[in-house]
Amino acid sequence: MPANKRPRRLNYAVNKKWPKTGWKVGQAVSHYKKLLQRIEFEWETKWLQNAVKIVMVKLKKYQINLNKI
């Protein structure tokens, strides 16, 4: 590599990486809200119960307080 060029491959972490969880957290919260709306409309089916369990695990993983949603 010539001496006058900047080593771009060493700057990958700065140039290319970004936080990945911001979008996931927003999607989990919106999914939870949509499921609550569906439960109000359709009542509580087995499918909705299972879906809520899955979303609750995600919210717990991201440490989101359900009381503030």
Protein backbone atom coordinates (compact mmCIF):
# COMPACT_ATOMS: atom_id res chain seq x y z
CA MET A 1 0.00 0.00 0.00
CA PRO A 2 1.43 3.41 -0.89
CA ALA A 3 2.39 5.62 2.01
CA ASN A 4 0.15 8.52 0.99
CA LYS A 5 -3.13 6.58 1.10
CA ARG A 6 -5.29 6.26 4.19
CA PRO A 7 -5.94 2.61 5.22
CA ARG A 8 -9.70 2.51 4.76
CA ARG A 9 -10.02 -1.14 5.69
CA LEU A 10 -8.91 -0.34 9.23
CA ASN A 11 -11.76 2.15 9.64
CA TYR A 12 -14.56 -0.38 9.01
CA ALA A 13 -15.87 -0.18 12.57
CA VAL A 14 -16.15 3.59 12.34
CA ASN A 15 -17.46 3.89 8.79
CA LYS A 16 -19.76 0.91 8.34
CA LYS A 17 -21.16 -0.17 11.70
CA TRP A 18 -24.20 1.35 13.38
CA PRO A 19 -26.50 0.31 16.24
CA LYS A 20 -28.84 -2.44 15.13
CA THR A 21 -31.26 -2.62 18.04
CA GLY A 22 -32.94 0.77 17.65
CA TRP A 23 -35.15 -0.44 14.83
CA LYS A 24 -35.84 -3.78 16.53
CA VAL A 25 -37.02 -2.10 19.71
CA GLY A 26 -39.45 0.13 17.82
CA GLN A 27 -40.80 -2.82 15.86
CA ALA A 28 -41.32 -4.87 19.04
CA VAL A 29 -43.23 -2.02 20.69
CA SER A 30 -45.44 -1.43 17.65
CA HIS A 31 -46.09 -5.17 17.32
CA TYR A 32 -47.16 -5.33 20.98
CA LYS A 33 -49.55 -2.41 20.50
CA LYS A 34 -51.07 -4.00 17.40
CA LEU A 35 -51.57 -7.27 19.23
CA LEU A 36 -53.37 -5.45 22.05
CA GLN A 37 -55.69 -3.83 19.49
CA ARG A 38 -56.38 -7.22 17.91
CA ILE A 39 -57.15 -8.74 21.33
CA GLU A 40 -59.71 -5.99 21.95
CA PHE A 41 -61.31 -6.59 18.56
CA GLU A 42 -61.07 -10.38 18.16
CA TRP A 43 -60.93 -11.39 21.82
CA GLU A 44 -58.15 -13.59 23.05
CA THR A 45 -57.41 -16.52 20.78
CA LYS A 46 -54.69 -19.11 21.24
CA TRP A 47 -52.73 -17.63 18.34
CA LEU A 48 -52.82 -14.16 19.90
CA GLN A 49 -51.80 -15.54 23.29
CA ASN A 50 -48.74 -17.18 21.73
CA ALA A 51 -47.87 -14.04 19.77
CA VAL A 52 -48.06 -11.91 22.93
CA LYS A 53 -45.77 -14.36 24.74
CA ILE A 54 -43.18 -14.04 21.97
CA VAL A 55 -43.35 -10.24 22.00
CA MET A 56 -43.13 -10.16 25.78
CA VAL A 57 -39.88 -12.14 25.60
CA LYS A 58 -38.50 -9.60 23.11
CA LEU A 59 -39.53 -6.67 25.27
CA LYS A 60 -37.95 -8.28 28.31
CA LYS A 61 -34.78 -8.91 26.28
CA TYR A 62 -34.61 -5.22 25.31
CA GLN A 63 -35.47 -4.22 28.91
CA ILE A 64 -38.58 -2.25 27.98
CA ASN A 65 -41.02 -1.45 30.78
CA LEU A 66 -44.57 -2.35 29.74
CA ASN A 67 -46.06 0.23 32.09
CA LYS A 68 -44.52 3.05 30.06
CA ILE A 69 -45.69 1.84 26.66
